[in-house]
C-alpha cells in the first residue's frame, strides 16, 4: 500500500479541518487521525540554534510505523539534513562534483579532462554503484580493468595515464565524503604498479 501525506484533511461535511487535528496518542508528537497518523517533530538546528520541524499526516500506516518514522525524522533534524537529498549513484555525484568544480573557477582544460576521464573510463564501470556501498574491492577491480584497457590503435594506455584516472576518481570520492558527510570512505591505500 502506498503511503500518502497531506497537510489538511477533509471532514464528513466537506469542509477542511485544521492541519493539527487528530487525537493525541501515548507517543509524543503522534496523533491518530481518521485516515492515518499525524506526525510532528520539533528540534533545534545544531548549526543555527533555530527551531525547525516537520508536521505531516501519513495515510495508511500503523502506529509502530508512525513511531519509527518520527524517530527517523528527529534524527535527520538533529543531524541538520532535513529535506537535503544526497546523490545516490556515483554518476549523480560526478555531475554534482563537476558543477561544483565549474563554480570554483577551475581552468577549462582541467574541467574537460575531468569530464573525459569520468565519462570514458570511470562511469561506464562504476557509474551505477551506490556511493554508500562502494568498497575497496570494487576500486581495485576497476584499477585492474582499466590498466588492461587498450587505445583505439591497440596499444595499452601508459601507466601515468591510468594513474591520472585513479587520482581523478579519488578526488571525486573525497569530495563526496566531505560534501555529503557519508559515514565512510573506501580504502584507497593500495598501489597501482
C-alpha atoms as a PDB file:
ATOM      1  CA  UNK A   1       0.000   0.000   0.000  1.00  0.00           C
ATOM      2  CA  UNK A   2       1.373   3.399  -0.950  1.00  0.00           C
ATOM      3  CA  UNK A   3       1.679   5.896   1.892  1.00  0.00           C
ATOM      4  CA  UNK A   4       0.187   9.312   1.284  1.00  0.00           C
ATOM      5  CA  UNK A   5       0.850  12.573   3.056  1.00  0.00           C
ATOM      6  CA  UNK A   6      -1.373  15.586   3.423  1.00  0.00           C
ATOM      7  CA  UNK A   7      -1.329  18.890   5.253  1.00  0.00           C
ATOM      8  CA  UNK A   8      -5.067  19.108   5.908  1.00  0.00           C
ATOM      9  CA  UNK A   9      -7.876  16.601   5.772  1.00  0.00           C
ATOM     10  CA  UNK A  10     -11.480  16.590   4.632  1.00  0.00           C
ATOM     11  CA  UNK A  11     -14.303  16.264   7.147  1.00  0.00           C
ATOM     12  CA  UNK A  12     -17.545  14.371   6.544  1.00  0.00           C
ATOM     13  CA  UNK A  13     -19.325  17.677   5.939  1.00  0.00           C
ATOM     14  CA  UNK A  14     -16.935  18.508   3.100  1.00  0.00           C
ATOM     15  CA  UNK A  15     -15.091  21.288   4.946  1.00  0.00           C
ATOM     16  CA  UNK A  16     -11.469  21.321   5.971  1.00  0.00           C
ATOM     17  CA  UNK A  17     -10.183  20.501   9.438  1.00  0.00           C
ATOM     18  CA  UNK A  18      -7.182  22.348  10.828  1.00  0.00           C
ATOM     19  CA  UNK A  19      -3.767  20.982   9.966  1.00  0.00           C
ATOM     20  CA  UNK A  20      -3.001  19.810  13.512  1.00  0.00           C
ATOM     21  CA  UNK A  21      -6.278  17.939  14.044  1.00  0.00           C
ATOM     22  CA  UNK A  22      -6.212  14.431  15.488  1.00  0.00           C
ATOM     23  CA  UNK A  23      -6.407  12.539  18.775  1.00  0.00           C
ATOM     24  CA  UNK A  24      -3.190  12.537  20.796  1.00  0.00           C
ATOM     25  CA  UNK A  25      -1.694   9.070  21.348  1.00  0.00           C
ATOM     26  CA  UNK A  26       0.555   7.957  24.219  1.00  0.00           C
ATOM     27  CA  UNK A  27       3.545   8.531  21.942  1.00  0.00           C
ATOM     28  CA  UNK A  28       4.656  12.179  21.957  1.00  0.00           C
ATOM     29  CA  UNK A  29       4.256  14.019  18.659  1.00  0.00           C
ATOM     30  CA  UNK A  30       1.907  11.435  17.138  1.00  0.00           C
ATOM     31  CA  UNK A  31      -1.831  11.969  16.721  1.00  0.00           C
ATOM     32  CA  UNK A  32      -4.386   9.467  15.405  1.00  0.00           C
ATOM     33  CA  UNK A  33      -6.452  10.799  12.506  1.00  0.00           C
ATOM     34  CA  UNK A  34      -9.320   9.196  10.618  1.00  0.00           C
ATOM     35  CA  UNK A  35      -7.067   8.107   7.757  1.00  0.00           C
ATOM     36  CA  UNK A  36      -3.702   7.512   9.462  1.00  0.00           C
ATOM     37  CA  UNK A  37      -1.386   9.364  11.828  1.00  0.00           C
ATOM     38  CA  UNK A  38      -0.199  12.963  12.112  1.00  0.00           C
ATOM     39  CA  UNK A  39       3.485  13.108  12.990  1.00  0.00           C
ATOM     40  CA  UNK A  40       5.010  16.251  14.443  1.00  0.00           C
ATOM     41  CA  UNK A  41       8.728  16.670  15.132  1.00  0.00           C
ATOM     42  CA  UNK A  42      10.466  19.723  16.547  1.00  0.00           C
ATOM     43  CA  UNK A  43      14.177  20.196  17.194  1.00  0.00           C
ATOM     44  CA  UNK A  44      16.815  22.886  17.463  1.00  0.00           C
ATOM     45  CA  UNK A  45      19.125  23.135  14.465  1.00  0.00           C
ATOM     46  CA  UNK A  46      22.642  22.427  15.774  1.00  0.00           C
ATOM     47  CA  UNK A  47      24.221  24.875  13.316  1.00  0.00           C
ATOM     48  CA  UNK A  48      21.919  27.888  13.701  1.00  0.00           C
ATOM     49  CA  UNK A  49      20.139  27.353  17.024  1.00  0.00           C
ATOM     50  CA  UNK A  50      16.761  27.953  15.338  1.00  0.00           C
ATOM     51  CA  UNK A  51      13.722  25.767  15.937  1.00  0.00           C
ATOM     52  CA  UNK A  52      12.973  23.514  12.983  1.00  0.00           C
ATOM     53  CA  UNK A  53      10.437  20.794  12.435  1.00  0.00           C
ATOM     54  CA  UNK A  54       8.133  18.676  10.348  1.00  0.00           C
ATOM     55  CA  UNK A  55       4.381  18.184  10.625  1.00  0.00           C
ATOM     56  CA  UNK A  56       2.758  15.700   8.245  1.00  0.00           C
ATOM     57  CA  UNK A  57      -0.231  13.408   8.131  1.00  0.00           C
ATOM     58  CA  UNK A  58       0.762   9.980   6.813  1.00  0.00           C
ATOM     59  CA  UNK A  59      -2.161   7.999   5.464  1.00  0.00           C
ATOM     60  CA  UNK A  60      -2.412   4.236   5.767  1.00  0.00           C
ATOM     61  CA  UNK A  61       0.331   3.412   8.270  1.00  0.00           C
ATOM     62  CA  UNK A  62       0.307   1.695  11.645  1.00  0.00           C
ATOM     63  CA  UNK A  63       1.204   3.324  14.956  1.00  0.00           C
ATOM     64  CA  UNK A  64       4.518   1.440  15.083  1.00  0.00           C
ATOM     65  CA  UNK A  65       5.424   2.738  11.626  1.00  0.00           C
ATOM     66  CA  UNK A  66       4.488   6.263  12.732  1.00  0.00           C
ATOM     67  CA  UNK A  67       6.743   5.974  15.814  1.00  0.00           C
ATOM     68  CA  UNK A  68       9.635   4.702  13.673  1.00  0.00           C
ATOM     69  CA  UNK A  69       9.130   7.461  11.102  1.00  0.00           C
ATOM     70  CA  UNK A  70       9.032  10.128  13.814  1.00  0.00           C
ATOM     71  CA  UNK A  71      12.323   8.905  15.315  1.00  0.00           C
ATOM     72  CA  UNK A  72      13.908   8.888  11.830  1.00  0.00           C
ATOM     73  CA  UNK A  73      12.738  12.462  11.200  1.00  0.00           C
ATOM     74  CA  UNK A  74      14.018  13.561  14.603  1.00  0.00           C
ATOM     75  CA  UNK A  75      17.444  12.095  13.837  1.00  0.00           C
ATOM     76  CA  UNK A  76      17.529  13.821  10.443  1.00  0.00           C
ATOM     77  CA  UNK A  77      16.618  17.154  12.010  1.00  0.00           C
ATOM     78  CA  UNK A  78      19.276  16.830  14.680  1.00  0.00           C
ATOM     79  CA  UNK A  79      21.882  15.985  12.053  1.00  0.00           C
ATOM     80  CA  UNK A  80      20.887  19.046  10.045  1.00  0.00           C
ATOM     81  CA  UNK A  81      19.855  17.012   6.986  1.00  0.00           C
ATOM     82  CA  UNK A  82      16.209  17.992   6.716  1.00  0.00           C
ATOM     83  CA  UNK A  83      14.956  17.809   3.128  1.00  0.00           C
ATOM     84  CA  UNK A  84      18.530  17.502   1.834  1.00  0.00           C
ATOM     85  CA  UNK A  85      18.936  14.955  -0.935  1.00  0.00           C
ATOM     86  CA  UNK A  86      22.204  13.058  -1.145  1.00  0.00           C
ATOM     87  CA  UNK A  87      23.160  11.876  -4.606  1.00  0.00           C
ATOM     88  CA  UNK A  88      22.773   8.110  -4.749  1.00  0.00           C
ATOM     89  CA  UNK A  89      24.956   6.773  -7.529  1.00  0.00           C
ATOM     90  CA  UNK A  90      28.492   7.682  -8.489  1.00  0.00           C
ATOM     91  CA  UNK A  91      27.096   9.195 -11.712  1.00  0.00           C
ATOM     92  CA  UNK A  92      24.882  11.561  -9.697  1.00  0.00           C
ATOM     93  CA  UNK A  93      27.846  12.514  -7.537  1.00  0.00           C
ATOM     94  CA  UNK A  94      30.065  13.081 -10.581  1.00  0.00           C
ATOM     95  CA  UNK A  95      27.550  15.521 -12.081  1.00  0.00           C
ATOM     96  CA  UNK A  96      27.358  17.429  -8.790  1.00  0.00           C
ATOM     97  CA  UNK A  97      31.164  17.414  -8.436  1.00  0.00           C
ATOM     98  CA  UNK A  98      31.674  18.796 -11.934  1.00  0.00           C
ATOM     99  CA  UNK A  99      29.124  21.530 -11.239  1.00  0.00           C
ATOM    100  CA  UNK A 100      30.997  22.344  -8.022  1.00  0.00           C
ATOM    101  CA  UNK A 101      34.353  22.438  -9.859  1.00  0.00           C
ATOM    102  CA  UNK A 102      32.879  24.726 -12.525  1.00  0.00           C
ATOM    103  CA  UNK A 103      31.602  27.115  -9.856  1.00  0.00           C
ATOM    104  CA  UNK A 104      35.010  27.067  -8.187  1.00  0.00           C
ATOM    105  CA  UNK A 105      36.514  28.558 -11.329  1.00  0.00           C
ATOM    106  CA  UNK A 106      38.828  25.740 -12.387  1.00  0.00           C
ATOM    107  CA  UNK A 107      40.571  26.043 -15.737  1.00  0.00           C
ATOM    108  CA  UNK A 108      38.593  24.894 -18.758  1.00  0.00           C
ATOM    109  CA  UNK A 109      41.238  22.331 -19.721  1.00  0.00           C
ATOM    110  CA  UNK A 110      41.112  20.792 -16.238  1.00  0.00           C
ATOM    111  CA  UNK A 111      37.329  20.531 -16.394  1.00  0.00           C
ATOM    112  CA  UNK A 112      37.489  18.990 -19.863  1.00  0.00           C
ATOM    113  CA  UNK A 113      39.987  16.410 -18.582  1.00  0.00           C
ATOM    114  CA  UNK A 114      37.748  15.548 -15.626  1.00  0.00           C
ATOM    115  CA  UNK A 115      34.725  15.138 -17.907  1.00  0.00           C
ATOM    116  CA  UNK A 116      36.688  12.971 -20.348  1.00  0.00           C
ATOM    117  CA  UNK A 117      38.105  10.725 -17.614  1.00  0.00           C
ATOM    118  CA  UNK A 118      34.772  10.298 -15.876  1.00  0.00           C
ATOM    119  CA  UNK A 119      32.622   9.726 -18.955  1.00  0.00           C
ATOM    120  CA  UNK A 120      35.027   7.422 -20.803  1.00  0.00           C
ATOM    121  CA  UNK A 121      36.794   5.482 -18.061  1.00  0.00           C
ATOM    122  CA  UNK A 122      35.160   5.734 -14.624  1.00  0.00           C
ATOM    123  CA  UNK A 123      31.390   5.981 -15.017  1.00  0.00           C
ATOM    124  CA  UNK A 124      30.896   3.215 -17.607  1.00  0.00           C
ATOM    125  CA  UNK A 125      32.145   0.749 -14.979  1.00  0.00           C
ATOM    126  CA  UNK A 126      31.324   2.358 -11.602  1.00  0.00           C
ATOM    127  CA  UNK A 127      28.580   4.867 -12.512  1.00  0.00           C
ATOM    128  CA  UNK A 128      25.648   2.748 -11.307  1.00  0.00           C
ATOM    129  CA  UNK A 129      27.247   1.878  -7.958  1.00  0.00           C
ATOM    130  CA  UNK A 130      25.682   3.462  -4.888  1.00  0.00           C
ATOM    131  CA  UNK A 131      28.290   5.619  -3.186  1.00  0.00           C
ATOM    132  CA  UNK A 132      27.429   4.252   0.269  1.00  0.00           C
ATOM    133  CA  UNK A 133      28.305   0.721  -0.850  1.00  0.00           C
ATOM    134  CA  UNK A 134      31.374   1.353  -2.984  1.00  0.00           C
ATOM    135  CA  UNK A 135      34.241  -0.538  -1.339  1.00  0.00           C
ATOM    136  CA  UNK A 136      37.951  -1.217  -1.736  1.00  0.00           C
ATOM    137  CA  UNK A 137      37.416  -4.399  -3.774  1.00  0.00           C
ATOM    138  CA  UNK A 138      35.304  -2.520  -6.336  1.00  0.00           C
ATOM    139  CA  UNK A 139      38.015   0.099  -6.719  1.00  0.00           C
ATOM    140  CA  UNK A 140      40.797  -2.485  -7.013  1.00  0.00           C
ATOM    141  CA  UNK A 141      38.831  -4.331  -9.697  1.00  0.00           C
ATOM    142  CA  UNK A 142      38.308  -1.064 -11.579  1.00  0.00           C
ATOM    143  CA  UNK A 143      42.053  -0.286 -11.452  1.00  0.00           C
ATOM    144  CA  UNK A 144      42.867  -3.767 -12.752  1.00  0.00           C
ATOM    145  CA  UNK A 145      40.315  -3.444 -15.568  1.00  0.00           C
ATOM    146  CA  UNK A 146      41.447  -0.008 -16.752  1.00  0.00           C
ATOM    147  CA  UNK A 147      45.120  -0.970 -16.572  1.00  0.00           C
ATOM    148  CA  UNK A 148      44.367  -3.670 -19.195  1.00  0.00           C
ATOM    149  CA  UNK A 149      42.376  -1.260 -21.360  1.00  0.00           C
ATOM    150  CA  UNK A 150      43.695  -0.513 -24.845  1.00  0.00           C
ATOM    151  CA  UNK A 151      43.640   2.581 -27.027  1.00  0.00           C
ATOM    152  CA  UNK A 152      41.894   2.510 -30.434  1.00  0.00           C
ATOM    153  CA  UNK A 153      45.273   1.772 -32.081  1.00  0.00           C
ATOM    154  CA  UNK A 154      45.648  -1.397 -29.963  1.00  0.00           C
ATOM    155  CA  UNK A 155      48.340  -0.180 -27.561  1.00  0.00           C
ATOM    156  CA  UNK A 156      47.835  -0.150 -23.821  1.00  0.00           C
ATOM    157  CA  UNK A 157      47.390   3.142 -22.037  1.00  0.00           C
ATOM    158  CA  UNK A 158      50.519   4.403 -20.282  1.00  0.00           C
ATOM    159  CA  UNK A 159      50.852   3.769 -16.561  1.00  0.00           C
ATOM    160  CA  UNK A 160      50.860   7.533 -15.911  1.00  0.00           C
ATOM    161  CA  UNK A 161      47.576   7.898 -17.776  1.00  0.00           C
ATOM    162  CA  UNK A 162      45.887   5.263 -15.630  1.00  0.00           C
ATOM    163  CA  UNK A 163      47.332   6.915 -12.512  1.00  0.00           C
ATOM    164  CA  UNK A 164      45.769  10.210 -13.646  1.00  0.00           C
ATOM    165  CA  UNK A 165      42.352   8.476 -13.933  1.00  0.00           C
ATOM    166  CA  UNK A 166      42.870   6.983 -10.462  1.00  0.00           C
ATOM    167  CA  UNK A 167      43.676  10.414  -8.987  1.00  0.00           C
ATOM    168  CA  UNK A 168      40.521  11.887 -10.543  1.00  0.00           C
ATOM    169  CA  UNK A 169      38.400   9.101  -9.076  1.00  0.00           C
ATOM    170  CA  UNK A 170      39.980   9.518  -5.615  1.00  0.00           C
ATOM    171  CA  UNK A 171      39.356  13.274  -5.741  1.00  0.00           C
ATOM    172  CA  UNK A 172      35.695  12.657  -6.603  1.00  0.00           C
ATOM    173  CA  UNK A 173      35.324  10.170  -3.728  1.00  0.00           C
ATOM    174  CA  UNK A 174      36.960  12.543  -1.231  1.00  0.00           C
ATOM    175  CA  UNK A 175      34.576  15.318  -2.300  1.00  0.00           C
ATOM    176  CA  UNK A 176      31.535  13.025  -1.977  1.00  0.00           C
ATOM    177  CA  UNK A 177      32.506  12.007   1.556  1.00  0.00           C
ATOM    178  CA  UNK A 178      33.236  15.583   2.645  1.00  0.00           C
ATOM    179  CA  UNK A 179      30.271  17.239   0.953  1.00  0.00           C
ATOM    180  CA  UNK A 180      27.591  14.714   1.838  1.00  0.00           C
ATOM    181  CA  UNK A 181      29.016  13.572   5.182  1.00  0.00           C
ATOM    182  CA  UNK A 182      28.984   9.919   4.282  1.00  0.00           C
ATOM    183  CA  UNK A 183      29.980   7.653   7.151  1.00  0.00           C
ATOM    184  CA  UNK A 184      32.928   6.018   5.418  1.00  0.00           C
ATOM    185  CA  UNK A 185      35.416   6.412   2.640  1.00  0.00           C
ATOM    186  CA  UNK A 186      36.598   3.370   0.662  1.00  0.00           C
ATOM    187  CA  UNK A 187      40.198   2.492   1.495  1.00  0.00           C
ATOM    188  CA  UNK A 188      42.357   3.623  -1.404  1.00  0.00           C
ATOM    189  CA  UNK A 189      45.745   2.927   0.113  1.00  0.00           C
ATOM    190  CA  UNK A 190      46.785   0.265  -2.382  1.00  0.00           C
ATOM    191  CA  UNK A 191      49.402   0.812  -5.041  1.00  0.00           C
ATOM    192  CA  UNK A 192      48.978   0.551  -8.752  1.00  0.00           C
ATOM    193  CA  UNK A 193      52.025  -0.924 -10.433  1.00  0.00           C
END
